Amino acid sequence: MMIKAAMKREQSQTCLGLAEREQARREKSFLVKVCGMRDVENIREVEALGIDLMGFIFWPKSSRFVSERPAYLPTRCKRVGVFVDEDIEQVRHMADDYDLDIIQLHGSESPEYASQLREWEVIKAFNIATTEDLKTTKPYEGIVDCFLFDTRMPLEEKGDGLAPGGTGKKFDWNVLSAYDGTTPFLLSGGIGPDDAERVKAIHYPKCIGIDLNSRFEIAPGLKDVNTLARFLKAL
């Protein structure tokens, strides 16, 4: 399905099955994904802001791990399940149980692994620090629907149990000018309440949206709805 309002510059690209329903706010070109959700009322409140994608983390080492199915799951935005090097049958089980629209692979999953999940739309995350890191996307071209570029942390800054994402730190977005792939991507990594103007200034042709998480939290897994609302209004 074509992304229209959210991808004016990439009208011929397909990604994430999102289309006409983004028409109003999405005319500003960016899709918005809010990740790390699990609290029922918080899910309802964030969904009501009109976001496009809501992420649920199924990695047990994450402080935002969803250990049990919330009593309410969003119906007005796409559900994204985030997995890190999980057994593929468990991914399938969770995708069915949570009625996921999209599977996000945030570990070292191979292109062959990703290709086995084509019943769903697939986002593959990459940790980025330099232009060299962008080359790791090449084997996934034509296999996944979308990339997500997150911050790569130096090994000395990684503590035990630190999730591959949700660090609250940015990478140098200038390296994205070297991206020459055909797959669209979401920008992640430390985007915060004060970054609306910087986000609006993004002009990378394949960048179709942003991923928000820890910088908008009151506590892990609990988003500050008022701060999110102000940020979205400023976009």
C-alpha atoms as a PDB file:
ATOM      1  CA  MET A   1       0.000   0.000   0.000  1.00  0.00           C
ATOM      2  CA  MET A   2       1.307   3.402  -0.885  1.00  0.00           C
ATOM      3  CA  ILE A   3       2.363   5.922   1.714  1.00  0.00           C
ATOM      4  CA  LYS A   4       0.985   9.175   0.369  1.00  0.00           C
ATOM      5  CA  ALA A   5       0.791  12.031   2.845  1.00  0.00           C
ATOM      6  CA  ALA A   6       3.679  10.719   4.953  1.00  0.00           C
ATOM      7  CA  MET A   7       6.035  10.301   2.009  1.00  0.00           C
ATOM      8  CA  LYS A   8       5.446  13.130  -0.460  1.00  0.00           C
ATOM      9  CA  ARG A   9       9.043  12.911  -1.621  1.00  0.00           C
ATOM     10  CA  GLU A  10       8.853   9.117  -2.037  1.00  0.00           C
ATOM     11  CA  GLN A  11       5.430   8.554  -3.580  1.00  0.00           C
ATOM     12  CA  SER A  12       6.557   5.344  -5.257  1.00  0.00           C
ATOM     13  CA  GLN A  13       7.841   3.662  -2.071  1.00  0.00           C
ATOM     14  CA  THR A  14       5.853   1.164  -0.021  1.00  0.00           C
ATOM     15  CA  CYS A  15       6.389   0.674   3.699  1.00  0.00           C
ATOM     16  CA  LEU A  16       4.448  -0.363   6.767  1.00  0.00           C
ATOM     17  CA  GLY A  17       1.032  -0.537   5.079  1.00  0.00           C
ATOM     18  CA  LEU A  18       0.241   3.047   6.104  1.00  0.00           C
ATOM     19  CA  ALA A  19      -1.688   5.169   3.643  1.00  0.00           C
ATOM     20  CA  GLU A  20      -4.642   7.528   3.395  1.00  0.00           C
ATOM     21  CA  ARG A  21      -5.441   7.508   7.102  1.00  0.00           C
ATOM     22  CA  GLU A  22      -2.373   9.642   7.773  1.00  0.00           C
ATOM     23  CA  GLN A  23      -3.741  12.444   5.580  1.00  0.00           C
ATOM     24  CA  ALA A  24      -4.172  15.271   8.095  1.00  0.00           C
ATOM     25  CA  ARG A  25      -1.096  15.689  10.297  1.00  0.00           C
ATOM     26  CA  ARG A  26       0.963  13.413   8.076  1.00  0.00           C
ATOM     27  CA  GLU A  27       1.036  16.135   5.427  1.00  0.00           C
ATOM     28  CA  LYS A  28       4.014  17.321   7.444  1.00  0.00           C
ATOM     29  CA  SER A  29       5.770  14.286   5.938  1.00  0.00           C
ATOM     30  CA  PHE A  30       6.782  12.381   9.053  1.00  0.00           C
ATOM     31  CA  LEU A  31       5.356   9.269  10.611  1.00  0.00           C
ATOM     32  CA  VAL A  32       5.622   9.125  14.387  1.00  0.00           C
ATOM     33  CA  LYS A  33       6.363   5.929  16.286  1.00  0.00           C
ATOM     34  CA  VAL A  34       6.240   5.900  20.084  1.00  0.00           C
ATOM     35  CA  CYS A  35       8.040   2.888  21.493  1.00  0.00           C
ATOM     36  CA  GLY A  36       8.344   1.213  24.880  1.00  0.00           C
ATOM     37  CA  MET A  37       4.660   1.196  25.808  1.00  0.00           C
ATOM     38  CA  ARG A  38       2.915  -1.154  28.270  1.00  0.00           C
ATOM     39  CA  ASP A  39       0.673   0.762  30.707  1.00  0.00           C
ATOM     40  CA  VAL A  40      -2.996   0.506  29.697  1.00  0.00           C
ATOM     41  CA  GLU A  41      -4.057   4.093  30.371  1.00  0.00           C
ATOM     42  CA  ASN A  42      -0.821   5.425  28.914  1.00  0.00           C
ATOM     43  CA  ILE A  43      -1.472   3.386  25.774  1.00  0.00           C
ATOM     44  CA  ARG A  44      -4.930   4.943  25.440  1.00  0.00           C
ATOM     45  CA  GLU A  45      -3.656   8.478  26.037  1.00  0.00           C
ATOM     46  CA  VAL A  46      -0.726   8.241  23.633  1.00  0.00           C
ATOM     47  CA  GLU A  47      -2.881   6.619  20.956  1.00  0.00           C
ATOM     48  CA  ALA A  48      -5.311   9.539  21.257  1.00  0.00           C
ATOM     49  CA  LEU A  49      -2.526  11.926  20.207  1.00  0.00           C
ATOM     50  CA  GLY A  50      -2.798  10.584  16.664  1.00  0.00           C
ATOM     51  CA  ILE A  51       0.516   8.776  16.376  1.00  0.00           C
ATOM     52  CA  ASP A  52       1.099   6.275  13.565  1.00  0.00           C
ATOM     53  CA  LEU A  53       2.969   3.419  15.218  1.00  0.00           C
ATOM     54  CA  MET A  54       3.147   2.147  18.797  1.00  0.00           C
ATOM     55  CA  GLY A  55       5.981  -0.132  19.874  1.00  0.00           C
ATOM     56  CA  PHE A  56       5.919  -2.936  22.442  1.00  0.00           C
ATOM     57  CA  ILE A  57       9.246  -4.379  23.549  1.00  0.00           C
ATOM     58  CA  PHE A  58       9.466  -8.141  23.962  1.00  0.00           C
ATOM     59  CA  TRP A  59      13.092  -8.321  25.048  1.00  0.00           C
ATOM     60  CA  PRO A  60      13.254  -9.536  28.676  1.00  0.00           C
ATOM     61  CA  LYS A  61      16.390  -7.535  29.499  1.00  0.00           C
ATOM     62  CA  SER A  62      14.703  -4.227  28.650  1.00  0.00           C
ATOM     63  CA  SER A  63      13.345  -2.026  31.426  1.00  0.00           C
ATOM     64  CA  ARG A  64      10.338  -1.565  29.125  1.00  0.00           C
ATOM     65  CA  PHE A  65       9.719  -5.288  28.664  1.00  0.00           C
ATOM     66  CA  VAL A  66       6.085  -6.238  28.196  1.00  0.00           C
ATOM     67  CA  SER A  67       5.717  -9.298  30.408  1.00  0.00           C
ATOM     68  CA  GLU A  68       1.971  -9.754  29.972  1.00  0.00           C
ATOM     69  CA  ARG A  69      -0.637  -8.683  27.469  1.00  0.00           C
ATOM     70  CA  PRO A  70      -2.145  -5.304  28.409  1.00  0.00           C
ATOM     71  CA  ALA A  71      -5.918  -5.233  28.854  1.00  0.00           C
ATOM     72  CA  TYR A  72      -6.059  -2.713  26.004  1.00  0.00           C
ATOM     73  CA  LEU A  73      -4.029  -2.510  22.814  1.00  0.00           C
ATOM     74  CA  PRO A  74      -4.252   0.300  20.253  1.00  0.00           C
ATOM     75  CA  THR A  75      -6.705   0.085  17.387  1.00  0.00           C
ATOM     76  CA  ARG A  76      -6.064   3.473  15.760  1.00  0.00           C
ATOM     77  CA  CYS A  77      -2.361   3.064  15.114  1.00  0.00           C
ATOM     78  CA  LYS A  78      -0.152   0.215  13.958  1.00  0.00           C
ATOM     79  CA  ARG A  79       1.156  -2.222  16.594  1.00  0.00           C
ATOM     80  CA  VAL A  80       4.893  -2.879  16.416  1.00  0.00           C
ATOM     81  CA  GLY A  81       6.540  -5.722  18.308  1.00  0.00           C
ATOM     82  CA  VAL A  82      10.227  -5.197  19.074  1.00  0.00           C
ATOM     83  CA  PHE A  83      12.370  -8.333  19.336  1.00  0.00           C
ATOM     84  CA  VAL A  84      16.076  -8.897  19.949  1.00  0.00           C
ATOM     85  CA  ASP A  85      17.538 -12.140  18.585  1.00  0.00           C
ATOM     86  CA  GLU A  86      14.433 -14.049  19.636  1.00  0.00           C
ATOM     87  CA  ASP A  87      13.568 -17.583  18.576  1.00  0.00           C
ATOM     88  CA  ILE A  88      11.590 -17.130  15.386  1.00  0.00           C
ATOM     89  CA  GLU A  89       8.721 -19.336  16.522  1.00  0.00           C
ATOM     90  CA  GLN A  90       8.371 -17.207  19.648  1.00  0.00           C
ATOM     91  CA  VAL A  91       8.259 -14.111  17.446  1.00  0.00           C
ATOM     92  CA  ARG A  92       5.446 -15.679  15.440  1.00  0.00           C
ATOM     93  CA  HIS A  93       3.600 -16.632  18.617  1.00  0.00           C
ATOM     94  CA  MET A  94       3.814 -13.126  20.070  1.00  0.00           C
ATOM     95  CA  ALA A  95       2.864 -11.537  16.758  1.00  0.00           C
ATOM     96  CA  ASP A  96      -0.284 -13.641  16.667  1.00  0.00           C
ATOM     97  CA  ASP A  97      -1.077 -13.160  20.350  1.00  0.00           C
ATOM     98  CA  TYR A  98      -0.739  -9.380  20.178  1.00  0.00           C
ATOM     99  CA  ASP A  99      -2.171  -9.110  16.658  1.00  0.00           C
ATOM    100  CA  LEU A 100       0.922  -7.208  15.580  1.00  0.00           C
ATOM    101  CA  ASP A 101       0.999  -5.305  12.311  1.00  0.00           C
ATOM    102  CA  ILE A 102       4.772  -4.932  12.184  1.00  0.00           C
ATOM    103  CA  ILE A 103       7.752  -6.832  13.553  1.00  0.00           C
ATOM    104  CA  GLN A 104      10.850  -4.819  14.456  1.00  0.00           C
ATOM    105  CA  LEU A 105      14.107  -6.741  14.643  1.00  0.00           C
ATOM    106  CA  HIS A 106      16.543  -4.920  16.908  1.00  0.00           C
ATOM    107  CA  GLY A 107      19.336  -7.453  17.281  1.00  0.00           C
ATOM    108  CA  SER A 108      21.747  -9.233  14.955  1.00  0.00           C
ATOM    109  CA  GLU A 109      19.051 -11.049  12.987  1.00  0.00           C
ATOM    110  CA  SER A 110      20.201 -12.132   9.528  1.00  0.00           C
ATOM    111  CA  PRO A 111      18.503 -11.350   6.218  1.00  0.00           C
ATOM    112  CA  GLU A 112      17.521 -15.038   6.068  1.00  0.00           C
ATOM    113  CA  TYR A 113      15.839 -14.743   9.469  1.00  0.00           C
ATOM    114  CA  ALA A 114      13.958 -11.602   8.421  1.00  0.00           C
ATOM    115  CA  SER A 115      12.798 -13.224   5.196  1.00  0.00           C
ATOM    116  CA  GLN A 116      10.933 -15.868   7.209  1.00  0.00           C
ATOM    117  CA  LEU A 117       8.606 -13.233   8.698  1.00  0.00           C
ATOM    118  CA  ARG A 118       7.031 -11.949   5.514  1.00  0.00           C
ATOM    119  CA  GLU A 119       3.509 -12.557   6.802  1.00  0.00           C
ATOM    120  CA  TRP A 120       4.115  -9.294   8.648  1.00  0.00           C
ATOM    121  CA  GLU A 121       5.785  -6.076   7.663  1.00  0.00           C
ATOM    122  CA  VAL A 122       9.320  -5.930   9.013  1.00  0.00           C
ATOM    123  CA  ILE A 123      11.512  -3.128  10.315  1.00  0.00           C
ATOM    124  CA  LYS A 124      15.204  -3.901  10.779  1.00  0.00           C
ATOM    125  CA  ALA A 125      17.077  -1.705  13.242  1.00  0.00           C
ATOM    126  CA  PHE A 126      20.731  -0.743  12.858  1.00  0.00           C
ATOM    127  CA  ASN A 127      23.017   0.963  15.349  1.00  0.00           C
ATOM    128  CA  ILE A 128      24.711   3.894  13.648  1.00  0.00           C
ATOM    129  CA  ALA A 129      27.727   6.001  14.527  1.00  0.00           C
ATOM    130  CA  THR A 130      29.628   6.433  11.259  1.00  0.00           C
ATOM    131  CA  THR A 131      28.994   6.191   7.540  1.00  0.00           C
ATOM    132  CA  GLU A 132      30.593   2.737   7.617  1.00  0.00           C
ATOM    133  CA  ASP A 133      27.711   1.499   9.743  1.00  0.00           C
ATOM    134  CA  LEU A 134      25.285   2.327   6.938  1.00  0.00           C
ATOM    135  CA  LYS A 135      26.887  -0.346   4.769  1.00  0.00           C
ATOM    136  CA  THR A 136      25.482  -3.040   7.052  1.00  0.00           C
ATOM    137  CA  THR A 137      22.029  -2.326   5.634  1.00  0.00           C
ATOM    138  CA  LYS A 138      22.906  -3.568   2.135  1.00  0.00           C
ATOM    139  CA  PRO A 139      22.134  -7.280   2.639  1.00  0.00           C
ATOM    140  CA  TYR A 140      18.627  -6.395   3.850  1.00  0.00           C
ATOM    141  CA  GLU A 141      17.602  -4.372   0.795  1.00  0.00           C
ATOM    142  CA  GLY A 142      14.488  -5.874  -0.768  1.00  0.00           C
ATOM    143  CA  ILE A 143      13.934  -8.150   2.233  1.00  0.00           C
ATOM    144  CA  VAL A 144      12.549  -5.828   4.912  1.00  0.00           C
ATOM    145  CA  ASP A 145      10.077  -2.993   4.500  1.00  0.00           C
ATOM    146  CA  CYS A 146      11.856  -0.321   6.483  1.00  0.00           C
ATOM    147  CA  PHE A 147      15.055   0.357   8.396  1.00  0.00           C
ATOM    148  CA  LEU A 148      15.371   2.066  11.755  1.00  0.00           C
ATOM    149  CA  PHE A 149      18.590   3.927  12.534  1.00  0.00           C
ATOM    150  CA  ASP A 150      19.416   4.078  16.230  1.00  0.00           C
ATOM    151  CA  THR A 151      22.471   5.175  18.203  1.00  0.00           C
ATOM    152  CA  ARG A 152      25.435   2.809  18.393  1.00  0.00           C
ATOM    153  CA  MET A 153      26.973   2.928  21.837  1.00  0.00           C
ATOM    154  CA  PRO A 154      30.705   2.428  22.401  1.00  0.00           C
ATOM    155  CA  LEU A 155      31.352  -0.840  24.244  1.00  0.00           C
ATOM    156  CA  GLU A 156      32.691   0.971  27.298  1.00  0.00           C
ATOM    157  CA  GLU A 157      29.370   2.803  27.674  1.00  0.00           C
ATOM    158  CA  LYS A 158      27.278  -0.357  27.559  1.00  0.00           C
ATOM    159  CA  GLY A 159      26.255  -1.624  30.945  1.00  0.00           C
ATOM    160  CA  ASP A 160      24.979  -5.128  31.619  1.00  0.00           C
ATOM    161  CA  GLY A 161      21.398  -5.483  30.494  1.00  0.00           C
ATOM    162  CA  LEU A 162      21.375  -2.258  28.517  1.00  0.00           C
ATOM    163  CA  ALA A 163      18.871  -2.565  25.685  1.00  0.00           C
ATOM    164  CA  PRO A 164      20.082  -2.104  22.094  1.00  0.00           C
ATOM    165  CA  GLY A 165      17.837   0.973  21.935  1.00  0.00           C
ATOM    166  CA  GLY A 166      16.367   3.420  24.401  1.00  0.00           C
ATOM    167  CA  THR A 167      19.705   4.954  25.335  1.00  0.00           C
ATOM    168  CA  GLY A 168      18.412   8.518  25.134  1.00  0.00           C
ATOM    169  CA  LYS A 169      21.500   9.505  23.137  1.00  0.00           C
ATOM    170  CA  LYS A 170      21.737  10.837  19.573  1.00  0.00           C
ATOM    171  CA  PHE A 171      24.177   9.941  16.854  1.00  0.00           C
ATOM    172  CA  ASP A 172      25.469  12.442  14.314  1.00  0.00           C
ATOM    173  CA  TRP A 173      22.578  12.723  11.859  1.00  0.00           C
ATOM    174  CA  ASN A 174      24.946  14.166   9.263  1.00  0.00           C
ATOM    175  CA  VAL A 175      26.193  10.658   8.512  1.00  0.00           C
ATOM    176  CA  LEU A 176      22.783   9.919   6.975  1.00  0.00           C
ATOM    177  CA  SER A 177      23.686  12.020   3.953  1.00  0.00           C
ATOM    178  CA  ALA A 178      25.824   9.045   2.907  1.00  0.00           C
ATOM    179  CA  TYR A 179      22.847   6.665   2.883  1.00  0.00           C
ATOM    180  CA  ASP A 180      22.271   5.565  -0.699  1.00  0.00           C
ATOM    181  CA  GLY A 181      19.899   2.661  -0.132  1.00  0.00           C
ATOM    182  CA  THR A 182      16.436   2.243  -1.609  1.00  0.00           C
ATOM    183  CA  THR A 183      14.747   1.210   1.645  1.00  0.00           C
ATOM    184  CA  PRO A 184      13.032   3.993   3.616  1.00  0.00           C
ATOM    185  CA  PHE A 185      14.006   4.482   7.244  1.00  0.00           C
ATOM    186  CA  LEU A 186      12.827   5.774  10.593  1.00  0.00           C
ATOM    187  CA  LEU A 187      15.177   7.953  12.635  1.00  0.00           C
ATOM    188  CA  SER A 188      15.639   6.992  16.271  1.00  0.00           C
ATOM    189  CA  GLY A 189      18.085   7.616  19.079  1.00  0.00           C
ATOM    190  CA  GLY A 190      17.664  10.327  21.680  1.00  0.00           C
ATOM    191  CA  ILE A 191      15.049  12.490  19.966  1.00  0.00           C
ATOM    192  CA  GLY A 192      13.645  14.663  22.733  1.00  0.00           C
ATOM    193  CA  PRO A 193      11.094  17.369  23.526  1.00  0.00           C
ATOM    194  CA  ASP A 194      13.397  20.167  22.329  1.00  0.00           C
ATOM    195  CA  ASP A 195      14.129  18.626  18.937  1.00  0.00           C
ATOM    196  CA  ALA A 196      11.011  19.569  16.958  1.00  0.00           C
ATOM    197  CA  GLU A 197      12.746  22.244  14.889  1.00  0.00           C
ATOM    198  CA  ARG A 198      15.699  19.974  14.194  1.00  0.00           C
ATOM    199  CA  VAL A 199      13.371  17.184  13.087  1.00  0.00           C
ATOM    200  CA  LYS A 200      11.481  19.548  10.797  1.00  0.00           C
ATOM    201  CA  ALA A 201      14.781  20.518   9.190  1.00  0.00           C
ATOM    202  CA  ILE A 202      15.562  16.928   8.159  1.00  0.00           C
ATOM    203  CA  HIS A 203      15.892  16.563   4.389  1.00  0.00           C
ATOM    204  CA  TYR A 204      17.015  12.991   3.895  1.00  0.00           C
ATOM    205  CA  PRO A 205      14.869  11.658   1.028  1.00  0.00           C
ATOM    206  CA  LYS A 206      14.408   8.176   2.486  1.00  0.00           C
ATOM    207  CA  CYS A 207      13.636   9.334   6.026  1.00  0.00           C
ATOM    208  CA  ILE A 208       9.907   8.796   6.481  1.00  0.00           C
ATOM    209  CA  GLY A 209       9.509   9.189  10.218  1.00  0.00           C
ATOM    210  CA  ILE A 210      10.844   9.296  13.751  1.00  0.00           C
ATOM    211  CA  ASP A 211      10.895   6.935  16.704  1.00  0.00           C
ATOM    212  CA  LEU A 212      10.343   8.399  20.182  1.00  0.00           C
ATOM    213  CA  ASN A 213      11.012   6.684  23.478  1.00  0.00           C
ATOM    214  CA  SER A 214      13.080   7.396  26.568  1.00  0.00           C
ATOM    215  CA  ARG A 215      13.351  11.182  26.284  1.00  0.00           C
ATOM    216  CA  PHE A 216       9.578  11.438  26.666  1.00  0.00           C
ATOM    217  CA  GLU A 217       9.289   9.228  29.734  1.00  0.00           C
ATOM    218  CA  ILE A 218       8.316   9.818  33.327  1.00  0.00           C
ATOM    219  CA  ALA A 219       9.619   6.329  34.090  1.00  0.00           C
ATOM    220  CA  PRO A 220      10.619   3.384  31.879  1.00  0.00           C
ATOM    221  CA  GLY A 221       7.547   2.374  29.895  1.00  0.00           C
ATOM    222  CA  LEU A 222       5.490   5.390  30.991  1.00  0.00           C
ATOM    223  CA  LYS A 223       5.305   8.360  28.612  1.00  0.00           C
ATOM    224  CA  ASP A 224       4.686  11.994  29.558  1.00  0.00           C
ATOM    225  CA  VAL A 225       1.573  12.582  27.469  1.00  0.00           C
ATOM    226  CA  ASN A 226       1.582  16.367  27.807  1.00  0.00           C
ATOM    227  CA  THR A 227       5.206  16.620  26.683  1.00  0.00           C
ATOM    228  CA  LEU A 228       4.487  14.342  23.742  1.00  0.00           C
ATOM    229  CA  ALA A 229       1.452  16.407  22.786  1.00  0.00           C
ATOM    230  CA  ARG A 230       3.465  19.636  22.776  1.00  0.00           C
ATOM    231  CA  PHE A 231       6.175  18.058  20.681  1.00  0.00           C
ATOM    232  CA  LEU A 232       3.743  16.690  18.097  1.00  0.00           C
ATOM    233  CA  LYS A 233       2.009  20.045  17.874  1.00  0.00           C
ATOM    234  CA  ALA A 234       5.349  21.703  17.160  1.00  0.00           C
ATOM    235  CA  LEU A 235       6.193  19.348  14.302  1.00  0.00           C
END
